[in-house]
Each structure stands twice: as C-alpha cells, then as structure tokens.
C-alpha cells in the first residue's frame, strides 16, 4: 500500500519523526533543560510540589524526576519508537494511508 502513495507515506514518516523531535523542544519549553530545572518554570513548580509531597526530596521515578531525566538526555530508544509509531499512525489516519 505504501508503494501506491509515496507522498502520503513520506508524510506519515515525517509525522513520526516530528513526534520524536518535538519531545526535547516541549520539555525545554516546560523548563526541563540539559542544565537542570529552569527557574520560575512549570518544571520548577512540579519539582517543588514533588519535594513538598515527599518530605523535602524528589522521589526517583516520579513524574518530575523522569521528565528531568528525559529533558537532560533525551528519550531512550523505546519511547522514541513508541512516539515515532504513534506519530506515523496519526498522520497516516489524517492523510488516508
């Protein structure tokens, strides 16, 4: 089916790549940067709330800690595959592939 609609297939592949590439941009905009949490950002508020709920520290594996890990180093392979597949599927639905 992909051979009959190369432009649509290319759009679907681009959608998958865009989904993977958007993660660092979105997390950076939230304040989860490679240099740490940006002051007065949504990330700082999340970290503060997580620390208050946990008695002063942020628990490993909490959403704030996980987002900081991804924000500093990027997502690992399995989330990239999941994001790429999801982006590909959504664009495939839109373009009618």
PDB file of N, CA and C in Angstrom:
ATOM      1  N   UNK A   1       0.816  -1.183   0.000  1.00  0.00           N
ATOM      2  CA  UNK A   1       0.000   0.000   0.000  1.00  0.00           C
ATOM      3  C   UNK A   1       0.868   1.257   0.000  1.00  0.00           C
ATOM      4  N   UNK A   2       2.025   1.231   0.686  1.00  0.00           N
ATOM      5  CA  UNK A   2       2.890   2.404   0.732  1.00  0.00           C
ATOM      6  C   UNK A   2       3.463   2.735  -0.640  1.00  0.00           C
ATOM      7  N   UNK A   3       3.583   1.736  -1.521  1.00  0.00           N
ATOM      8  CA  UNK A   3       4.180   1.973  -2.819  1.00  0.00           C
ATOM      9  C   UNK A   3       3.232   2.735  -3.746  1.00  0.00           C
ATOM     10  N   UNK A   4       1.939   2.661  -3.490  1.00  0.00           N
ATOM     11  CA  UNK A   4       0.972   3.356  -4.322  1.00  0.00           C
ATOM     12  C   UNK A   4       0.872   4.839  -3.988  1.00  0.00           C
ATOM     13  N   UNK A   5       1.228   5.216  -2.757  1.00  0.00           N
ATOM     14  CA  UNK A   5       1.077   6.590  -2.303  1.00  0.00           C
ATOM     15  C   UNK A   5       2.363   7.075  -1.649  1.00  0.00           C
ATOM     16  N   UNK A   6       3.443   7.269  -2.420  1.00  0.00           N
ATOM     17  CA  UNK A   6       4.717   7.641  -1.799  1.00  0.00           C
ATOM     18  C   UNK A   6       4.672   8.985  -1.065  1.00  0.00           C
ATOM     19  N   UNK A   7       3.900   9.943  -1.551  1.00  0.00           N
ATOM     20  CA  UNK A   7       3.820  11.236  -0.865  1.00  0.00           C
ATOM     21  C   UNK A   7       3.125  11.094   0.469  1.00  0.00           C
ATOM     22  N   UNK A   8       2.084  10.273   0.519  1.00  0.00           N
ATOM     23  CA  UNK A   8       1.373  10.054   1.777  1.00  0.00           C
ATOM     24  C   UNK A   8       2.248   9.273   2.752  1.00  0.00           C
ATOM     25  N   UNK A   9       2.986   8.305   2.247  1.00  0.00           N
ATOM     26  CA  UNK A   9       3.890   7.540   3.108  1.00  0.00           C
ATOM     27  C   UNK A   9       4.990   8.436   3.656  1.00  0.00           C
ATOM     28  N   UNK A  10       5.500   9.321   2.827  1.00  0.00           N
ATOM     29  CA  UNK A  10       6.535  10.259   3.276  1.00  0.00           C
ATOM     30  C   UNK A  10       5.985  11.194   4.340  1.00  0.00           C
ATOM     31  N   UNK A  11       4.741  11.627   4.179  1.00  0.00           N
ATOM     32  CA  UNK A  11       4.119  12.489   5.183  1.00  0.00           C
ATOM     33  C   UNK A  11       3.971  11.746   6.499  1.00  0.00           C
ATOM     34  N   UNK A  12       3.597  10.468   6.448  1.00  0.00           N
ATOM     35  CA  UNK A  12       3.441   9.681   7.667  1.00  0.00           C
ATOM     36  C   UNK A  12       4.782   9.487   8.369  1.00  0.00           C
ATOM     37  N   UNK A  13       5.837   9.229   7.600  1.00  0.00           N
ATOM     38  CA  UNK A  13       7.179   9.089   8.178  1.00  0.00           C
ATOM     39  C   UNK A  13       7.616  10.405   8.803  1.00  0.00           C
ATOM     40  N   UNK A  14       7.343  11.507   8.125  1.00  0.00           N
ATOM     41  CA  UNK A  14       7.685  12.827   8.670  1.00  0.00           C
ATOM     42  C   UNK A  14       6.921  13.088   9.967  1.00  0.00           C
ATOM     43  N   UNK A  15       5.678  12.638  10.039  1.00  0.00           N
ATOM     44  CA  UNK A  15       4.899  12.788  11.268  1.00  0.00           C
ATOM     45  C   UNK A  15       5.519  12.040  12.424  1.00  0.00           C
ATOM     46  N   UNK A  16       6.030  10.844  12.146  1.00  0.00           N
ATOM     47  CA  UNK A  16       6.714  10.079  13.183  1.00  0.00           C
ATOM     48  C   UNK A  16       7.981  10.769  13.645  1.00  0.00           C
ATOM     49  N   UNK A  17       8.752  11.288  12.710  1.00  0.00           N
ATOM     50  CA  UNK A  17       9.987  11.994  13.058  1.00  0.00           C
ATOM     51  C   UNK A  17       9.687  13.273  13.832  1.00  0.00           C
ATOM     52  N   UNK A  18       8.634  13.965  13.447  1.00  0.00           N
ATOM     53  CA  UNK A  18       8.248  15.189  14.143  1.00  0.00           C
ATOM     54  C   UNK A  18       7.845  14.891  15.586  1.00  0.00           C
ATOM     55  N   UNK A  19       7.130  13.799  15.793  1.00  0.00           N
ATOM     56  CA  UNK A  19       6.727  13.433  17.159  1.00  0.00           C
ATOM     57  C   UNK A  19       7.950  13.182  18.038  1.00  0.00           C
ATOM     58  N   UNK A  20       8.950  12.502  17.501  1.00  0.00           N
ATOM     59  CA  UNK A  20      10.172  12.225  18.268  1.00  0.00           C
ATOM     60  C   UNK A  20      10.959  13.513  18.493  1.00  0.00           C
ATOM     61  N   UNK A  21      11.065  14.332  17.487  1.00  0.00           N
ATOM     62  CA  UNK A  21      11.841  15.562  17.593  1.00  0.00           C
ATOM     63  C   UNK A  21      11.197  16.632  18.462  1.00  0.00           C
ATOM     64  N   UNK A  22       9.897  16.544  18.658  1.00  0.00           N
ATOM     65  CA  UNK A  22       9.196  17.553  19.454  1.00  0.00           C
ATOM     66  C   UNK A  22       9.428  17.393  20.948  1.00  0.00           C
ATOM     67  N   UNK A  23       9.793  16.201  21.391  1.00  0.00           N
ATOM     68  CA  UNK A  23       9.943  15.952  22.831  1.00  0.00           C
ATOM     69  C   UNK A  23      10.958  16.885  23.487  1.00  0.00           C
ATOM     70  N   UNK A  24      12.188  16.991  22.995  1.00  0.00           N
ATOM     71  CA  UNK A  24      13.125  17.904  23.659  1.00  0.00           C
ATOM     72  C   UNK A  24      12.676  19.361  23.616  1.00  0.00           C
ATOM     73  N   UNK A  25      12.021  19.752  22.541  1.00  0.00           N
ATOM     74  CA  UNK A  25      11.559  21.133  22.414  1.00  0.00           C
ATOM     75  C   UNK A  25      10.479  21.430  23.455  1.00  0.00           C
ATOM     76  N   UNK A  26       9.525  20.534  23.580  1.00  0.00           N
ATOM     77  CA  UNK A  26       8.427  20.726  24.525  1.00  0.00           C
ATOM     78  C   UNK A  26       8.946  20.695  25.961  1.00  0.00           C
ATOM     79  N   UNK A  27       9.801  19.729  26.274  1.00  0.00           N
ATOM     80  CA  UNK A  27      10.337  19.658  27.632  1.00  0.00           C
ATOM     81  C   UNK A  27      11.193  20.874  27.955  1.00  0.00           C
ATOM     82  N   UNK A  28      11.960  21.356  26.998  1.00  0.00           N
ATOM     83  CA  UNK A  28      12.745  22.568  27.211  1.00  0.00           C
ATOM     84  C   UNK A  28      11.854  23.768  27.473  1.00  0.00           C
ATOM     85  N   UNK A  29      10.745  23.859  26.750  1.00  0.00           N
ATOM     86  CA  UNK A  29       9.808  24.964  26.961  1.00  0.00           C
ATOM     87  C   UNK A  29       9.158  24.880  28.333  1.00  0.00           C
ATOM     88  N   UNK A  30       9.005  23.669  28.852  1.00  0.00           N
ATOM     89  CA  UNK A  30       8.442  23.493  30.192  1.00  0.00           C
ATOM     90  C   UNK A  30       9.461  23.813  31.285  1.00  0.00           C
ATOM     91  N   UNK A  31      10.749  23.830  30.932  1.00  0.00           N
ATOM     92  CA  UNK A  31      11.786  24.136  31.907  1.00  0.00           C
ATOM     93  C   UNK A  31      12.684  22.979  32.262  1.00  0.00           C
ATOM     94  N   UNK A  32      12.483  21.818  31.639  1.00  0.00           N
ATOM     95  CA  UNK A  32      13.352  20.656  31.862  1.00  0.00           C
ATOM     96  C   UNK A  32      14.486  20.717  30.850  1.00  0.00           C
ATOM     97  N   UNK A  33      15.626  21.296  31.243  1.00  0.00           N
ATOM     98  CA  UNK A  33      16.724  21.520  30.311  1.00  0.00           C
ATOM     99  C   UNK A  33      17.923  20.634  30.656  1.00  0.00           C
ATOM    100  N   UNK A  34      18.873  20.602  29.752  1.00  0.00           N
ATOM    101  CA  UNK A  34      20.100  19.847  29.988  1.00  0.00           C
ATOM    102  C   UNK A  34      20.919  20.411  31.134  1.00  0.00           C
ATOM    103  N   UNK A  35      20.754  21.690  31.421  1.00  0.00           N
ATOM    104  CA  UNK A  35      21.487  22.332  32.515  1.00  0.00           C
ATOM    105  C   UNK A  35      20.748  22.230  33.840  1.00  0.00           C
ATOM    106  N   UNK A  36      19.568  21.639  33.831  1.00  0.00           N
ATOM    107  CA  UNK A  36      18.776  21.499  35.053  1.00  0.00           C
ATOM    108  C   UNK A  36      17.425  22.170  34.897  1.00  0.00           C
ATOM    109  N   UNK A  37      16.750  22.332  36.017  1.00  0.00           N
ATOM    110  CA  UNK A  37      15.422  22.940  36.022  1.00  0.00           C
ATOM    111  C   UNK A  37      15.556  24.457  35.887  1.00  0.00           C
ATOM    112  N   UNK A  38      14.817  25.029  34.957  1.00  0.00           N
ATOM    113  CA  UNK A  38      14.831  26.484  34.767  1.00  0.00           C
ATOM    114  C   UNK A  38      14.010  27.157  35.861  1.00  0.00           C
ATOM    115  N   UNK A  39      14.539  28.240  36.387  1.00  0.00           N
ATOM    116  CA  UNK A  39      13.859  28.968  37.463  1.00  0.00           C
ATOM    117  C   UNK A  39      12.521  29.522  36.990  1.00  0.00           C
ATOM    118  N   UNK A  40      11.553  29.526  37.879  1.00  0.00           N
ATOM    119  CA  UNK A  40      10.217  30.092  37.643  1.00  0.00           C
ATOM    120  C   UNK A  40       9.495  29.442  36.465  1.00  0.00           C
ATOM    121  N   UNK A  41       9.760  28.194  36.209  1.00  0.00           N
ATOM    122  CA  UNK A  41       9.127  27.491  35.093  1.00  0.00           C
ATOM    123  C   UNK A  41       8.108  26.488  35.635  1.00  0.00           C
ATOM    124  N   UNK A  42       7.369  25.900  34.718  1.00  0.00           N
ATOM    125  CA  UNK A  42       6.444  24.836  35.099  1.00  0.00           C
ATOM    126  C   UNK A  42       7.212  23.676  35.729  1.00  0.00           C
ATOM    127  N   UNK A  43       8.392  23.399  35.208  1.00  0.00           N
ATOM    128  CA  UNK A  43       9.227  22.332  35.761  1.00  0.00           C
ATOM    129  C   UNK A  43       9.606  22.624  37.214  1.00  0.00           C
ATOM    130  N   UNK A  44       9.930  23.871  37.507  1.00  0.00           N
ATOM    131  CA  UNK A  44      10.284  24.252  38.878  1.00  0.00           C
ATOM    132  C   UNK A  44       9.096  24.078  39.812  1.00  0.00           C
ATOM    133  N   UNK A  45       7.923  24.424  39.342  1.00  0.00           N
ATOM    134  CA  UNK A  45       6.718  24.245  40.157  1.00  0.00           C
ATOM    135  C   UNK A  45       6.435  22.761  40.396  1.00  0.00           C
ATOM    136  N   UNK A  46       6.628  21.938  39.367  1.00  0.00           N
ATOM    137  CA  UNK A  46       6.427  20.490  39.527  1.00  0.00           C
ATOM    138  C   UNK A  46       7.430  19.907  40.519  1.00  0.00           C
ATOM    139  N   UNK A  47       8.690  20.323  40.404  1.00  0.00           N
ATOM    140  CA  UNK A  47       9.730  19.839  41.300  1.00  0.00           C
ATOM    141  C   UNK A  47       9.429  20.256  42.738  1.00  0.00           C
ATOM    142  N   UNK A  48       9.001  21.488  42.920  1.00  0.00           N
ATOM    143  CA  UNK A  48       8.675  21.992  44.249  1.00  0.00           C
ATOM    144  C   UNK A  48       7.518  21.202  44.861  1.00  0.00           C
ATOM    145  N   UNK A  49       6.473  20.979  44.094  1.00  0.00           N
ATOM    146  CA  UNK A  49       5.325  20.222  44.594  1.00  0.00           C
ATOM    147  C   UNK A  49       5.720  18.790  44.926  1.00  0.00           C
ATOM    148  N   UNK A  50       6.562  18.189  44.091  1.00  0.00           N
ATOM    149  CA  UNK A  50       7.009  16.815  44.348  1.00  0.00           C
ATOM    150  C   UNK A  50       7.858  16.751  45.607  1.00  0.00           C
ATOM    151  N   UNK A  51       8.702  17.741  45.818  1.00  0.00           N
ATOM    152  CA  UNK A  51       9.546  17.764  47.010  1.00  0.00           C
ATOM    153  C   UNK A  51       8.709  17.963  48.268  1.00  0.00           C
ATOM    154  N   UNK A  52       7.728  18.842  48.222  1.00  0.00           N
ATOM    155  CA  UNK A  52       6.877  19.068  49.390  1.00  0.00           C
ATOM    156  C   UNK A  52       6.054  17.823  49.717  1.00  0.00           C
ATOM    157  N   UNK A  53       5.588  17.127  48.711  1.00  0.00           N
ATOM    158  CA  UNK A  53       4.788  15.923  48.933  1.00  0.00           C
ATOM    159  C   UNK A  53       5.627  14.764  49.449  1.00  0.00           C
ATOM    160  N   UNK A  54       6.937  14.827  49.232  1.00  0.00           N
ATOM    161  CA  UNK A  54       7.799  13.708  49.598  1.00  0.00           C
ATOM    162  C   UNK A  54       8.719  14.044  50.766  1.00  0.00           C
ATOM    163  N   UNK A  55       8.387  15.067  51.524  1.00  0.00           N
ATOM    164  CA  UNK A  55       9.182  15.398  52.703  1.00  0.00           C
ATOM    165  C   UNK A  55      10.500  16.078  52.404  1.00  0.00           C
ATOM    166  N   UNK A  56      10.605  16.778  51.301  1.00  0.00           N
ATOM    167  CA  UNK A  56      11.802  17.545  51.011  1.00  0.00           C
ATOM    168  C   UNK A  56      12.631  17.044  49.843  1.00  0.00           C
ATOM    169  N   UNK A  57      12.457  15.822  49.444  1.00  0.00           N
ATOM    170  CA  UNK A  57      13.221  15.282  48.315  1.00  0.00           C
ATOM    171  C   UNK A  57      12.295  14.863  47.191  1.00  0.00           C
ATOM    172  N   UNK A  58      12.829  14.763  46.018  1.00  0.00           N
ATOM    173  CA  UNK A  58      12.051  14.301  44.869  1.00  0.00           C
ATOM    174  C   UNK A  58      12.354  12.824  44.671  1.00  0.00           C
ATOM    175  N   UNK A  59      11.321  12.010  44.724  1.00  0.00           N
ATOM    176  CA  UNK A  59      11.493  10.560  44.615  1.00  0.00           C
ATOM    177  C   UNK A  59      11.946  10.166  43.211  1.00  0.00           C
ATOM    178  N   UNK A  60      12.891   9.242  43.160  1.00  0.00           N
ATOM    179  CA  UNK A  60      13.320   8.697  41.870  1.00  0.00           C
ATOM    180  C   UNK A  60      12.134   7.996  41.219  1.00  0.00           C
ATOM    181  N   UNK A  61      11.955   8.213  39.944  1.00  0.00           N
ATOM    182  CA  UNK A  61      10.850   7.591  39.226  1.00  0.00           C
ATOM    183  C   UNK A  61       9.572   8.410  39.249  1.00  0.00           C
ATOM    184  N   UNK A  62       9.568   9.519  39.987  1.00  0.00           N
ATOM    185  CA  UNK A  62       8.387  10.382  39.989  1.00  0.00           C
ATOM    186  C   UNK A  62       8.287  11.082  38.635  1.00  0.00           C
ATOM    187  N   UNK A  63       7.105  11.592  38.303  1.00  0.00           N
ATOM    188  CA  UNK A  63       6.979  12.273  37.005  1.00  0.00           C
ATOM    189  C   UNK A  63       7.978  13.422  36.832  1.00  0.00           C
ATOM    190  N   UNK A  64       8.190  14.217  37.872  1.00  0.00           N
ATOM    191  CA  UNK A  64       9.124  15.340  37.757  1.00  0.00           C
ATOM    192  C   UNK A  64      10.546  14.842  37.523  1.00  0.00           C
ATOM    193  N   UNK A  65      10.951  13.803  38.227  1.00  0.00           N
ATOM    194  CA  UNK A  65      12.301  13.256  38.056  1.00  0.00           C
ATOM    195  C   UNK A  65      12.469  12.623  36.680  1.00  0.00           C
ATOM    196  N   UNK A  66      11.454  11.922  36.227  1.00  0.00           N
ATOM    197  CA  UNK A  66      11.524  11.278  34.912  1.00  0.00           C
ATOM    198  C   UNK A  66      11.593  12.322  33.799  1.00  0.00           C
ATOM    199  N   UNK A  67      10.765  13.355  33.888  1.00  0.00           N
ATOM    200  CA  UNK A  67      10.799  14.403  32.871  1.00  0.00           C
ATOM    201  C   UNK A  67      12.133  15.135  32.865  1.00  0.00           C
ATOM    202  N   UNK A  68      12.727  15.345  34.040  1.00  0.00           N
ATOM    203  CA  UNK A  68      14.043  15.983  34.085  1.00  0.00           C
ATOM    204  C   UNK A  68      15.096  15.096  33.437  1.00  0.00           C
ATOM    205  N   UNK A  69      15.004  13.806  33.682  1.00  0.00           N
ATOM    206  CA  UNK A  69      15.954  12.868  33.074  1.00  0.00           C
ATOM    207  C   UNK A  69      15.847  12.904  31.551  1.00  0.00           C
ATOM    208  N   UNK A  70      14.635  12.888  31.051  1.00  0.00           N
ATOM    209  CA  UNK A  70      14.434  12.930  29.597  1.00  0.00           C
ATOM    210  C   UNK A  70      14.829  14.297  29.055  1.00  0.00           C
ATOM    211  N   UNK A  71      14.523  15.361  29.790  1.00  0.00           N
ATOM    212  CA  UNK A  71      14.872  16.705  29.347  1.00  0.00           C
ATOM    213  C   UNK A  71      16.365  16.924  29.263  1.00  0.00           C
ATOM    214  N   UNK A  72      17.122  16.277  30.138  1.00  0.00           N
ATOM    215  CA  UNK A  72      18.571  16.474  30.122  1.00  0.00           C
ATOM    216  C   UNK A  72      19.281  15.589  29.112  1.00  0.00           C
ATOM    217  N   UNK A  73      18.772  14.396  28.875  1.00  0.00           N
ATOM    218  CA  UNK A  73      19.467  13.482  27.984  1.00  0.00           C
ATOM    219  C   UNK A  73      18.685  13.010  26.791  1.00  0.00           C
ATOM    220  N   UNK A  74      17.447  13.401  26.688  1.00  0.00           N
ATOM    221  CA  UNK A  74      16.603  12.936  25.594  1.00  0.00           C
ATOM    222  C   UNK A  74      16.002  11.574  25.917  1.00  0.00           C
ATOM    223  N   UNK A  75      14.955  11.207  25.209  1.00  0.00           N
ATOM    224  CA  UNK A  75      14.315   9.920  25.478  1.00  0.00           C
ATOM    225  C   UNK A  75      15.186   8.750  25.025  1.00  0.00           C
ATOM    226  N   UNK A  76      15.017   7.623  25.686  1.00  0.00           N
ATOM    227  CA  UNK A  76      15.755   6.426  25.287  1.00  0.00           C
ATOM    228  C   UNK A  76      15.087   5.801  24.062  1.00  0.00           C
ATOM    229  N   UNK A  77      15.585   4.667  23.634  1.00  0.00           N
ATOM    230  CA  UNK A  77      15.118   4.064  22.376  1.00  0.00           C
ATOM    231  C   UNK A  77      13.645   3.678  22.403  1.00  0.00           C
ATOM    232  N   UNK A  78      13.178   3.022  23.464  1.00  0.00           N
ATOM    233  CA  UNK A  78      11.786   2.548  23.452  1.00  0.00           C
ATOM    234  C   UNK A  78      10.773   3.691  23.401  1.00  0.00           C
ATOM    235  N   UNK A  79      10.939   4.792  24.156  1.00  0.00           N
ATOM    236  CA  UNK A  79       9.990   5.895  23.961  1.00  0.00           C
ATOM    237  C   UNK A  79      10.080   6.526  22.569  1.00  0.00           C
ATOM    238  N   UNK A  80      11.282   6.540  21.984  1.00  0.00           N
ATOM    239  CA  UNK A  80      11.404   7.075  20.628  1.00  0.00           C
ATOM    240  C   UNK A  80      10.615   6.227  19.644  1.00  0.00           C
ATOM    241  N   UNK A  81      10.698   4.903  19.798  1.00  0.00           N
ATOM    242  CA  UNK A  81       9.962   4.005  18.907  1.00  0.00           C
ATOM    243  C   UNK A  81       8.464   4.201  19.096  1.00  0.00           C
ATOM    244  N   UNK A  82       8.021   4.295  20.348  1.00  0.00           N
ATOM    245  CA  UNK A  82       6.598   4.490  20.635  1.00  0.00           C
ATOM    246  C   UNK A  82       6.104   5.821  20.077  1.00  0.00           C
ATOM    247  N   UNK A  83       6.851   6.893  20.305  1.00  0.00           N
ATOM    248  CA  UNK A  83       6.458   8.204  19.785  1.00  0.00           C
ATOM    249  C   UNK A  83       6.453   8.225  18.260  1.00  0.00           C
ATOM    250  N   UNK A  84       7.480   7.648  17.660  1.00  0.00           N
ATOM    251  CA  UNK A  84       7.542   7.614  16.203  1.00  0.00           C
ATOM    252  C   UNK A  84       6.407   6.822  15.603  1.00  0.00           C
ATOM    253  N   UNK A  85       6.087   5.686  16.209  1.00  0.00           N
ATOM    254  CA  UNK A  85       4.979   4.854  15.718  1.00  0.00           C
ATOM    255  C   UNK A  85       3.652   5.574  15.865  1.00  0.00           C
ATOM    256  N   UNK A  86       3.468   6.252  16.986  1.00  0.00           N
ATOM    257  CA  UNK A  86       2.230   6.989  17.217  1.00  0.00           C
ATOM    258  C   UNK A  86       2.085   8.146  16.230  1.00  0.00           C
ATOM    259  N   UNK A  87       3.158   8.900  16.037  1.00  0.00           N
ATOM    260  CA  UNK A  87       3.118   9.992  15.062  1.00  0.00           C
ATOM    261  C   UNK A  87       2.849   9.488  13.663  1.00  0.00           C
ATOM    262  N   UNK A  88       3.484   8.379  13.294  1.00  0.00           N
ATOM    263  CA  UNK A  88       3.277   7.777  11.986  1.00  0.00           C
ATOM    264  C   UNK A  88       1.807   7.377  11.827  1.00  0.00           C
ATOM    265  N   UNK A  89       1.244   6.707  12.845  1.00  0.00           N
ATOM    266  CA  UNK A  89      -0.144   6.238  12.775  1.00  0.00           C
ATOM    267  C   UNK A  89      -1.126   7.387  12.676  1.00  0.00           C
ATOM    268  N   UNK A  90      -0.897   8.436  13.472  1.00  0.00           N
ATOM    269  CA  UNK A  90      -1.830   9.572  13.441  1.00  0.00           C
ATOM    270  C   UNK A  90      -1.813  10.285  12.091  1.00  0.00           C
ATOM    271  N   UNK A  91      -0.635  10.507  11.545  1.00  0.00           N
ATOM    272  CA  UNK A  91      -0.552  11.168  10.243  1.00  0.00           C
ATOM    273  C   UNK A  91      -1.105  10.248   9.152  1.00  0.00           C
ATOM    274  N   UNK A  92      -0.905   8.952   9.292  1.00  0.00           N
ATOM    275  CA  UNK A  92      -1.479   8.001   8.325  1.00  0.00           C
ATOM    276  C   UNK A  92      -2.990   8.098   8.282  1.00  0.00           C
ATOM    277  N   UNK A  93      -3.593   8.269   9.463  1.00  0.00           N
ATOM    278  CA  UNK A  93      -5.050   8.425   9.517  1.00  0.00           C
ATOM    279  C   UNK A  93      -5.492   9.714   8.844  1.00  0.00           C
ATOM    280  N   UNK A  94      -4.741  10.762   9.058  1.00  0.00           N
ATOM    281  CA  UNK A  94      -5.118  12.074   8.503  1.00  0.00           C
ATOM    282  C   UNK A  94      -4.994  12.085   6.987  1.00  0.00           C
ATOM    283  N   UNK A  95      -3.908  11.508   6.458  1.00  0.00           N
ATOM    284  CA  UNK A  95      -3.704  11.551   5.002  1.00  0.00           C
ATOM    285  C   UNK A  95      -4.401  10.407   4.277  1.00  0.00           C
ATOM    286  N   UNK A  96      -4.992   9.499   5.028  1.00  0.00           N
ATOM    287  CA  UNK A  96      -5.746   8.407   4.405  1.00  0.00           C
ATOM    288  C   UNK A  96      -4.876   7.317   3.830  1.00  0.00           C
ATOM    289  N   UNK A  97      -3.808   6.987   4.523  1.00  0.00           N
ATOM    290  CA  UNK A  97      -2.891   5.952   4.042  1.00  0.00           C
ATOM    291  C   UNK A  97      -3.404   4.587   4.385  1.00  0.00           C
TER     292      UNK A  97
END
